[in-house]
Amino acid sequence: VAAYREELDGIKINGKKCPRPIKTWSQCITSDKILQILRKADYEKPTAIQAQALPIILSGRNMIGIAKTGSGKTLAFVLPIFRHIKDQP
């Protein structure tokens, strides 16, 4: 896990039992429709911030993400929102 985080632009984390970063969208996105949209938009795999942020957010934990403009932070926060909306009765 540490080696993969280093590959991902040297991600730094604090906290206990932080979820592992993902390598593919399907590891945390269960909606076929959203996966199709990501493929159509040529998002082949999560960016560094997305790879670590998505499992943290989807596990219900809080996080502060610091990354450059254009790194994919917004999508990292929006995808869990879509899942939350979809899961509402």
N, C-alpha and C. Protein backbone atom coordinates (compact mmCIF):
# COMPACT_ATOMS: atom_id res chain seq x y z
N VAL A 1 0.84 -1.19 0.00
CA VAL A 1 0.00 0.00 0.00
C VAL A 1 0.88 1.25 0.00
N ALA A 2 1.92 1.24 0.82
CA ALA A 2 2.81 2.40 0.88
C ALA A 2 3.49 2.65 -0.47
N ALA A 3 3.89 1.58 -1.15
CA ALA A 3 4.53 1.72 -2.46
C ALA A 3 3.56 2.30 -3.48
N TYR A 4 2.31 1.86 -3.44
CA TYR A 4 1.30 2.38 -4.37
C TYR A 4 1.02 3.86 -4.08
N ARG A 5 0.94 4.23 -2.82
CA ARG A 5 0.75 5.64 -2.48
C ARG A 5 1.92 6.48 -2.99
N GLU A 6 3.10 5.94 -2.93
CA GLU A 6 4.28 6.65 -3.46
C GLU A 6 4.16 6.82 -4.97
N GLU A 7 3.68 5.78 -5.66
CA GLU A 7 3.42 5.87 -7.11
C GLU A 7 2.41 6.97 -7.42
N LEU A 8 1.45 7.13 -6.54
CA LEU A 8 0.38 8.12 -6.73
C LEU A 8 0.83 9.50 -6.26
N ASP A 9 1.88 9.99 -6.85
CA ASP A 9 2.38 11.34 -6.53
C ASP A 9 2.80 11.49 -5.08
N GLY A 10 3.17 10.39 -4.43
CA GLY A 10 3.65 10.47 -3.06
C GLY A 10 2.59 10.90 -2.06
N ILE A 11 1.40 10.33 -2.18
CA ILE A 11 0.30 10.67 -1.27
C ILE A 11 0.74 10.54 0.18
N LYS A 12 0.39 11.53 0.96
CA LYS A 12 0.66 11.53 2.40
C LYS A 12 -0.68 11.43 3.13
N ILE A 13 -0.75 10.59 4.13
CA ILE A 13 -1.99 10.45 4.91
C ILE A 13 -1.69 10.53 6.39
N ASN A 14 -2.68 10.93 7.13
CA ASN A 14 -2.65 10.91 8.60
C ASN A 14 -3.91 10.22 9.06
N GLY A 15 -3.85 9.59 10.18
CA GLY A 15 -5.04 8.92 10.70
C GLY A 15 -4.77 7.45 10.89
N LYS A 16 -5.71 6.81 11.54
CA LYS A 16 -5.58 5.39 11.83
C LYS A 16 -6.46 4.58 10.90
N LYS A 17 -5.93 3.46 10.45
CA LYS A 17 -6.67 2.52 9.62
C LYS A 17 -7.29 3.20 8.40
N CYS A 18 -6.51 4.00 7.73
CA CYS A 18 -6.98 4.70 6.54
C CYS A 18 -7.24 3.67 5.43
N PRO A 19 -8.38 3.77 4.74
CA PRO A 19 -8.66 2.83 3.65
C PRO A 19 -7.57 2.86 2.58
N ARG A 20 -7.37 1.73 1.96
CA ARG A 20 -6.38 1.62 0.89
C ARG A 20 -6.84 2.40 -0.34
N PRO A 21 -5.90 2.96 -1.10
CA PRO A 21 -6.29 3.62 -2.35
C PRO A 21 -6.76 2.59 -3.37
N ILE A 22 -7.62 3.03 -4.27
CA ILE A 22 -8.12 2.13 -5.31
C ILE A 22 -7.26 2.26 -6.56
N LYS A 23 -7.35 1.25 -7.42
CA LYS A 23 -6.62 1.28 -8.69
C LYS A 23 -7.57 1.42 -9.87
N THR A 24 -8.82 0.99 -9.69
CA THR A 24 -9.80 1.07 -10.77
C THR A 24 -11.10 1.68 -10.25
N TRP A 25 -11.86 2.27 -11.15
CA TRP A 25 -13.15 2.86 -10.77
C TRP A 25 -14.08 1.81 -10.18
N SER A 26 -14.08 0.61 -10.76
CA SER A 26 -15.04 -0.41 -10.33
C SER A 26 -14.80 -0.90 -8.91
N GLN A 27 -13.67 -0.56 -8.32
CA GLN A 27 -13.43 -0.94 -6.92
C GLN A 27 -14.32 -0.18 -5.95
N CYS A 28 -14.86 0.95 -6.38
CA CYS A 28 -15.72 1.71 -5.46
C CYS A 28 -16.98 2.26 -6.12
N ILE A 29 -17.05 2.24 -7.42
CA ILE A 29 -18.24 2.72 -8.12
C ILE A 29 -19.03 1.50 -8.56
N THR A 30 -20.24 1.36 -8.04
CA THR A 30 -21.05 0.18 -8.36
C THR A 30 -22.09 0.45 -9.43
N SER A 31 -22.30 1.69 -9.78
CA SER A 31 -23.30 2.04 -10.78
C SER A 31 -22.73 1.87 -12.19
N ASP A 32 -23.36 0.98 -12.97
CA ASP A 32 -22.93 0.79 -14.35
C ASP A 32 -23.06 2.08 -15.15
N LYS A 33 -24.09 2.84 -14.86
CA LYS A 33 -24.31 4.09 -15.58
C LYS A 33 -23.15 5.08 -15.35
N ILE A 34 -22.73 5.21 -14.11
CA ILE A 34 -21.61 6.12 -13.81
C ILE A 34 -20.32 5.59 -14.41
N LEU A 35 -20.10 4.29 -14.37
CA LEU A 35 -18.91 3.71 -14.99
C LEU A 35 -18.89 3.98 -16.49
N GLN A 36 -20.04 3.87 -17.14
CA GLN A 36 -20.14 4.17 -18.58
C GLN A 36 -19.80 5.63 -18.85
N ILE A 37 -20.31 6.52 -18.02
CA ILE A 37 -20.03 7.96 -18.18
C ILE A 37 -18.54 8.23 -18.03
N LEU A 38 -17.92 7.61 -17.05
CA LEU A 38 -16.48 7.79 -16.84
C LEU A 38 -15.68 7.29 -18.04
N ARG A 39 -16.07 6.12 -18.59
CA ARG A 39 -15.39 5.59 -19.77
C ARG A 39 -15.58 6.51 -20.97
N LYS A 40 -16.81 6.97 -21.15
CA LYS A 40 -17.11 7.85 -22.29
C LYS A 40 -16.32 9.16 -22.20
N ALA A 41 -16.07 9.64 -21.00
CA ALA A 41 -15.32 10.88 -20.79
C ALA A 41 -13.80 10.62 -20.79
N ASP A 42 -13.40 9.39 -21.11
CA ASP A 42 -11.98 9.00 -21.16
C ASP A 42 -11.27 9.08 -19.82
N TYR A 43 -12.00 8.86 -18.74
CA TYR A 43 -11.38 8.75 -17.42
C TYR A 43 -11.02 7.27 -17.23
N GLU A 44 -9.84 6.90 -17.68
CA GLU A 44 -9.44 5.49 -17.66
C GLU A 44 -9.29 4.94 -16.26
N LYS A 45 -8.66 5.72 -15.39
CA LYS A 45 -8.45 5.27 -14.02
C LYS A 45 -8.46 6.49 -13.11
N PRO A 46 -8.66 6.29 -11.82
CA PRO A 46 -8.68 7.42 -10.89
C PRO A 46 -7.33 8.12 -10.82
N THR A 47 -7.38 9.44 -10.64
CA THR A 47 -6.15 10.20 -10.40
C THR A 47 -5.69 9.91 -8.97
N ALA A 48 -4.55 10.42 -8.62
CA ALA A 48 -4.00 10.17 -7.28
C ALA A 48 -4.98 10.58 -6.18
N ILE A 49 -5.49 11.80 -6.25
CA ILE A 49 -6.42 12.28 -5.21
C ILE A 49 -7.70 11.45 -5.19
N GLN A 50 -8.19 11.06 -6.37
CA GLN A 50 -9.40 10.25 -6.44
C GLN A 50 -9.17 8.85 -5.88
N ALA A 51 -8.02 8.28 -6.19
CA ALA A 51 -7.71 6.92 -5.74
C ALA A 51 -7.72 6.81 -4.22
N GLN A 52 -7.27 7.85 -3.54
CA GLN A 52 -7.25 7.80 -2.08
C GLN A 52 -8.50 8.40 -1.46
N ALA A 53 -9.04 9.46 -2.05
CA ALA A 53 -10.19 10.14 -1.46
C ALA A 53 -11.47 9.31 -1.53
N LEU A 54 -11.72 8.66 -2.65
CA LEU A 54 -12.98 7.92 -2.79
C LEU A 54 -13.17 6.85 -1.71
N PRO A 55 -12.20 5.99 -1.45
CA PRO A 55 -12.44 5.00 -0.39
C PRO A 55 -12.61 5.62 0.99
N ILE A 56 -11.93 6.74 1.23
CA ILE A 56 -12.08 7.40 2.53
C ILE A 56 -13.49 7.95 2.67
N ILE A 57 -13.93 8.71 1.68
CA ILE A 57 -15.25 9.34 1.74
C ILE A 57 -16.35 8.28 1.76
N LEU A 58 -16.23 7.27 0.91
CA LEU A 58 -17.27 6.24 0.85
C LEU A 58 -17.32 5.38 2.12
N SER A 59 -16.26 5.40 2.91
CA SER A 59 -16.29 4.67 4.18
C SER A 59 -16.91 5.51 5.30
N GLY A 60 -17.29 6.74 4.96
CA GLY A 60 -17.95 7.61 5.94
C GLY A 60 -16.99 8.43 6.78
N ARG A 61 -15.73 8.42 6.42
CA ARG A 61 -14.74 9.18 7.18
C ARG A 61 -14.60 10.59 6.63
N ASN A 62 -14.08 11.47 7.45
CA ASN A 62 -13.79 12.84 7.03
C ASN A 62 -12.39 12.90 6.44
N MET A 63 -12.19 13.86 5.55
CA MET A 63 -10.85 14.04 5.00
C MET A 63 -10.65 15.47 4.53
N ILE A 64 -9.42 15.86 4.49
CA ILE A 64 -9.02 17.11 3.86
C ILE A 64 -8.08 16.70 2.75
N GLY A 65 -8.41 17.07 1.52
CA GLY A 65 -7.59 16.72 0.38
C GLY A 65 -6.93 17.96 -0.20
N ILE A 66 -5.63 17.91 -0.35
CA ILE A 66 -4.89 19.02 -0.93
C ILE A 66 -4.20 18.51 -2.19
N ALA A 67 -4.55 19.10 -3.32
CA ALA A 67 -3.96 18.70 -4.59
C ALA A 67 -4.04 19.87 -5.55
N LYS A 68 -3.27 19.79 -6.62
CA LYS A 68 -3.21 20.87 -7.61
C LYS A 68 -4.55 21.04 -8.33
N THR A 69 -4.76 22.22 -8.88
CA THR A 69 -5.91 22.49 -9.73
C THR A 69 -5.86 21.52 -10.92
N GLY A 70 -7.01 20.94 -11.24
CA GLY A 70 -7.09 20.01 -12.36
C GLY A 70 -6.72 18.58 -12.01
N SER A 71 -6.54 18.31 -10.74
CA SER A 71 -6.13 16.97 -10.31
C SER A 71 -7.30 16.00 -10.12
N GLY A 72 -8.52 16.52 -10.14
CA GLY A 72 -9.68 15.64 -9.99
C GLY A 72 -10.34 15.67 -8.62
N LYS A 73 -10.03 16.68 -7.83
CA LYS A 73 -10.63 16.77 -6.48
C LYS A 73 -12.14 16.83 -6.54
N THR A 74 -12.67 17.66 -7.44
CA THR A 74 -14.13 17.84 -7.49
C THR A 74 -14.83 16.52 -7.76
N LEU A 75 -14.35 15.76 -8.74
CA LEU A 75 -14.97 14.47 -9.04
C LEU A 75 -14.85 13.52 -7.85
N ALA A 76 -13.76 13.60 -7.12
CA ALA A 76 -13.57 12.74 -5.94
C ALA A 76 -14.64 13.01 -4.89
N PHE A 77 -15.13 14.22 -4.82
CA PHE A 77 -16.17 14.56 -3.83
C PHE A 77 -17.58 14.39 -4.40
N VAL A 78 -17.73 14.56 -5.72
CA VAL A 78 -19.06 14.48 -6.34
C VAL A 78 -19.54 13.04 -6.48
N LEU A 79 -18.67 12.12 -6.85
CA LEU A 79 -19.10 10.73 -7.04
C LEU A 79 -19.76 10.13 -5.79
N PRO A 80 -19.22 10.32 -4.60
CA PRO A 80 -19.92 9.82 -3.41
C PRO A 80 -21.27 10.50 -3.18
N ILE A 81 -21.39 11.76 -3.59
CA ILE A 81 -22.68 12.45 -3.47
C ILE A 81 -23.72 11.76 -4.35
N PHE A 82 -23.34 11.41 -5.59
CA PHE A 82 -24.26 10.70 -6.48
C PHE A 82 -24.71 9.38 -5.86
N ARG A 83 -23.77 8.66 -5.27
CA ARG A 83 -24.10 7.38 -4.64
C ARG A 83 -25.08 7.59 -3.48
N HIS A 84 -24.84 8.62 -2.68
CA HIS A 84 -25.72 8.91 -1.56
C HIS A 84 -27.13 9.24 -2.05
N ILE A 85 -27.22 10.06 -3.08
CA ILE A 85 -28.53 10.42 -3.65
C ILE A 85 -29.23 9.17 -4.17
N LYS A 86 -28.50 8.34 -4.90
CA LYS A 86 -29.07 7.12 -5.48
C LYS A 86 -29.62 6.19 -4.40
N ASP A 87 -28.97 6.15 -3.25
CA ASP A 87 -29.37 5.24 -2.17
C ASP A 87 -30.54 5.75 -1.33
N GLN A 88 -31.03 6.95 -1.61
CA GLN A 88 -32.15 7.48 -0.85
C GLN A 88 -33.45 6.79 -1.25
N PRO A 89 -34.37 6.61 -0.30
CA PRO A 89 -35.65 5.94 -0.60
C PRO A 89 -36.52 6.78 -1.52
